[in-house]
């Protein structure tokens, strides 16, 4: 099992997602501004995640080149790469409103796939993202998508990050 999934890093990623949702909702009136806000947030969250994994792994004497870590990365990466490709296609055709549910679904699949090689709570979080993405597609009006992002990438990361931090050492 890959145990270097960062709880405190997840909490920080959740906080930055809530800030991004606020900015996107209140200060990004143009679609391009909105997309840039969320892409910057994705880069920030990715950096936080990498740094937090590295810190937790080094503190716990876990190798990032161990078999479980490599399996985690191999499971996590393909859904994210697919999400990037889908985002480019949606941007190309002007379907910005579909991006958020797609991001939730692709991230959820990445967490489930990578989390198969981690502690049990990690894939559970992924399934919550998948459920939220499905609900967002089916029921959430486009005007509330930033709120949906705050609830998922924000609150889900904070809640599951706290669980991971408490049960699995940060």
Protein backbone atom coordinates (compact mmCIF):
# COMPACT_ATOMS: atom_id res chain seq x y z
CA UNK A 1 0.00 0.00 0.00
CA UNK A 2 1.11 3.53 -0.83
CA UNK A 3 0.72 5.39 2.46
CA UNK A 4 2.21 8.75 1.50
CA UNK A 5 -1.14 10.19 0.36
CA UNK A 6 -1.06 13.55 2.15
CA UNK A 7 -3.89 14.46 4.50
CA UNK A 8 -2.61 17.92 5.32
CA UNK A 9 -1.83 18.51 1.66
CA UNK A 10 -5.41 17.52 0.82
CA UNK A 11 -6.69 20.04 3.35
CA UNK A 12 -4.57 22.79 1.81
CA UNK A 13 -5.70 21.79 -1.70
CA UNK A 14 -9.30 22.07 -0.46
CA UNK A 15 -8.70 25.55 0.91
CA UNK A 16 -7.17 26.76 -2.35
CA UNK A 17 -10.11 25.28 -4.29
CA UNK A 18 -12.58 27.22 -2.16
CA UNK A 19 -10.59 30.39 -2.79
CA UNK A 20 -10.56 29.62 -6.55
CA UNK A 21 -14.33 29.02 -6.51
CA UNK A 22 -14.83 32.40 -4.86
CA UNK A 23 -12.58 34.13 -7.39
CA UNK A 24 -14.15 32.33 -10.35
CA UNK A 25 -17.65 33.14 -9.13
CA UNK A 26 -17.04 36.81 -8.32
CA UNK A 27 -14.11 38.06 -10.39
CA UNK A 28 -14.07 36.01 -13.60
CA UNK A 29 -16.99 37.25 -15.70
CA UNK A 30 -15.54 36.04 -19.00
CA UNK A 31 -15.28 32.36 -19.84
CA UNK A 32 -11.57 32.73 -20.49
CA UNK A 33 -11.03 34.33 -17.06
CA UNK A 34 -13.06 31.58 -15.42
CA UNK A 35 -11.07 28.86 -17.17
CA UNK A 36 -7.75 30.52 -16.35
CA UNK A 37 -8.78 30.75 -12.68
CA UNK A 38 -9.47 27.01 -12.52
CA UNK A 39 -6.40 26.05 -14.55
CA UNK A 40 -4.19 28.11 -12.22
CA UNK A 41 -5.89 26.39 -9.27
CA UNK A 42 -5.22 22.98 -10.83
CA UNK A 43 -1.52 23.83 -11.16
CA UNK A 44 -1.38 25.11 -7.58
CA UNK A 45 -3.20 22.02 -6.26
CA UNK A 46 -0.96 19.70 -8.26
CA UNK A 47 2.13 21.42 -6.82
CA UNK A 48 0.73 21.21 -3.29
CA UNK A 49 -0.06 17.54 -3.80
CA UNK A 50 3.40 16.69 -5.11
CA UNK A 51 5.15 18.64 -2.37
CA UNK A 52 2.95 17.11 0.33
CA UNK A 53 3.48 13.57 -0.98
CA UNK A 54 7.23 14.15 -1.10
CA UNK A 55 7.24 15.60 2.43
CA UNK A 56 5.11 12.82 3.90
CA UNK A 57 7.11 10.14 2.12
CA UNK A 58 10.46 11.54 3.28
CA UNK A 59 9.18 11.99 6.84
CA UNK A 60 7.86 8.42 6.89
CA UNK A 61 10.89 6.94 5.11
CA UNK A 62 8.70 5.79 2.20
CA UNK A 63 10.29 5.63 -1.23
CA UNK A 64 8.49 7.42 -4.04
CA UNK A 65 10.03 4.82 -6.33
CA UNK A 66 8.59 1.86 -4.43
CA UNK A 67 6.27 -0.55 -6.27
CA UNK A 68 3.10 0.77 -4.52
CA UNK A 69 4.06 4.39 -5.29
CA UNK A 70 4.66 3.62 -8.96
CA UNK A 71 1.37 1.68 -9.16
CA UNK A 72 -0.40 4.63 -7.54
CA UNK A 73 1.06 7.02 -10.13
CA UNK A 74 0.30 4.67 -13.04
CA UNK A 75 -3.32 4.40 -11.91
CA UNK A 76 -3.69 8.11 -11.17
CA UNK A 77 -2.15 9.60 -14.31
CA UNK A 78 -4.23 8.20 -17.23
CA UNK A 79 -7.61 9.60 -16.07
CA UNK A 80 -6.00 13.00 -15.49
CA UNK A 81 -4.43 12.96 -18.94
CA UNK A 82 -7.83 12.03 -20.40
CA UNK A 83 -9.36 14.92 -18.45
CA UNK A 84 -6.86 17.34 -19.97
CA UNK A 85 -7.64 16.07 -23.50
CA UNK A 86 -11.39 16.31 -22.88
CA UNK A 87 -10.98 19.83 -21.47
CA UNK A 88 -9.13 20.92 -24.61
CA UNK A 89 -11.94 19.50 -26.75
CA UNK A 90 -14.64 21.16 -24.66
CA UNK A 91 -12.74 24.46 -24.82
CA UNK A 92 -12.33 24.12 -28.58
CA UNK A 93 -16.06 23.72 -29.08
CA UNK A 94 -17.05 26.27 -26.42
CA UNK A 95 -18.66 23.81 -23.99
CA UNK A 96 -17.34 25.38 -20.80
CA UNK A 97 -20.40 24.31 -18.82
CA UNK A 98 -19.47 20.63 -19.22
CA UNK A 99 -15.92 21.06 -17.91
CA UNK A 100 -16.69 20.99 -14.21
CA UNK A 101 -18.61 17.69 -14.17
CA UNK A 102 -15.93 16.19 -16.43
CA UNK A 103 -13.20 17.38 -14.05
CA UNK A 104 -15.03 15.85 -11.08
CA UNK A 105 -15.51 12.56 -12.91
CA UNK A 106 -11.94 12.31 -14.26
CA UNK A 107 -10.38 13.29 -10.94
CA UNK A 108 -12.62 10.83 -9.14
CA UNK A 109 -11.58 8.04 -11.50
CA UNK A 110 -7.91 9.00 -11.02
CA UNK A 111 -8.29 8.85 -7.24
CA UNK A 112 -10.13 5.51 -7.37
CA UNK A 113 -7.56 3.98 -9.74
CA UNK A 114 -4.52 5.31 -7.91
CA UNK A 115 -6.18 4.74 -4.56
CA UNK A 116 -6.51 1.03 -5.28
CA UNK A 117 -2.86 0.92 -4.18
CA UNK A 118 -3.39 3.11 -1.12
CA UNK A 119 -5.38 3.11 2.08
CA UNK A 120 -9.13 2.41 1.83
CA UNK A 121 -10.29 5.98 2.43
CA UNK A 122 -8.58 7.22 -0.76
CA UNK A 123 -10.76 5.32 -3.27
CA UNK A 124 -13.83 6.20 -1.17
CA UNK A 125 -12.98 9.87 -1.77
CA UNK A 126 -12.67 9.13 -5.48
CA UNK A 127 -16.12 7.55 -5.56
CA UNK A 128 -17.51 10.68 -3.87
CA UNK A 129 -16.03 12.78 -6.70
CA UNK A 130 -17.55 10.43 -9.28
CA UNK A 131 -20.97 10.66 -7.63
CA UNK A 132 -20.69 14.45 -7.45
CA UNK A 133 -19.72 14.66 -11.13
CA UNK A 134 -22.70 12.52 -12.12
CA UNK A 135 -25.04 14.65 -10.00
CA UNK A 136 -23.52 17.84 -11.44
CA UNK A 137 -24.19 16.64 -15.00
CA UNK A 138 -27.75 15.58 -14.19
CA UNK A 139 -29.02 18.09 -11.67
CA UNK A 140 -26.79 21.08 -10.93
CA UNK A 141 -27.54 24.23 -12.93
CA UNK A 142 -24.49 25.67 -14.70
CA UNK A 143 -24.78 28.83 -12.58
CA UNK A 144 -23.93 26.77 -9.49
CA UNK A 145 -20.92 24.94 -10.90
CA UNK A 146 -18.41 27.07 -8.96
CA UNK A 147 -20.30 26.14 -5.80
CA UNK A 148 -20.10 22.50 -6.85
CA UNK A 149 -16.34 22.89 -7.30
CA UNK A 150 -16.05 24.40 -3.81
CA UNK A 151 -18.06 21.49 -2.41
CA UNK A 152 -16.02 18.80 -4.15
CA UNK A 153 -12.49 19.99 -4.75
CA UNK A 154 -12.82 22.14 -1.63
CA UNK A 155 -14.84 20.43 1.07
CA UNK A 156 -14.26 16.82 -0.01
CA UNK A 157 -10.50 17.43 0.03
CA UNK A 158 -10.73 19.06 3.45
CA UNK A 159 -12.88 16.29 4.97
CA UNK A 160 -10.94 13.39 3.50
CA UNK A 161 -7.64 15.20 4.11
CA UNK A 162 -8.54 15.48 7.81
CA UNK A 163 -9.44 11.77 7.93
CA UNK A 164 -6.16 10.81 6.25
CA UNK A 165 -4.15 13.15 8.48
CA UNK A 166 -5.74 11.74 11.64
CA UNK A 167 -5.66 8.05 10.74
CA UNK A 168 -2.56 7.80 8.59
CA UNK A 169 -0.07 10.26 10.01
CA UNK A 170 -0.51 13.50 8.13
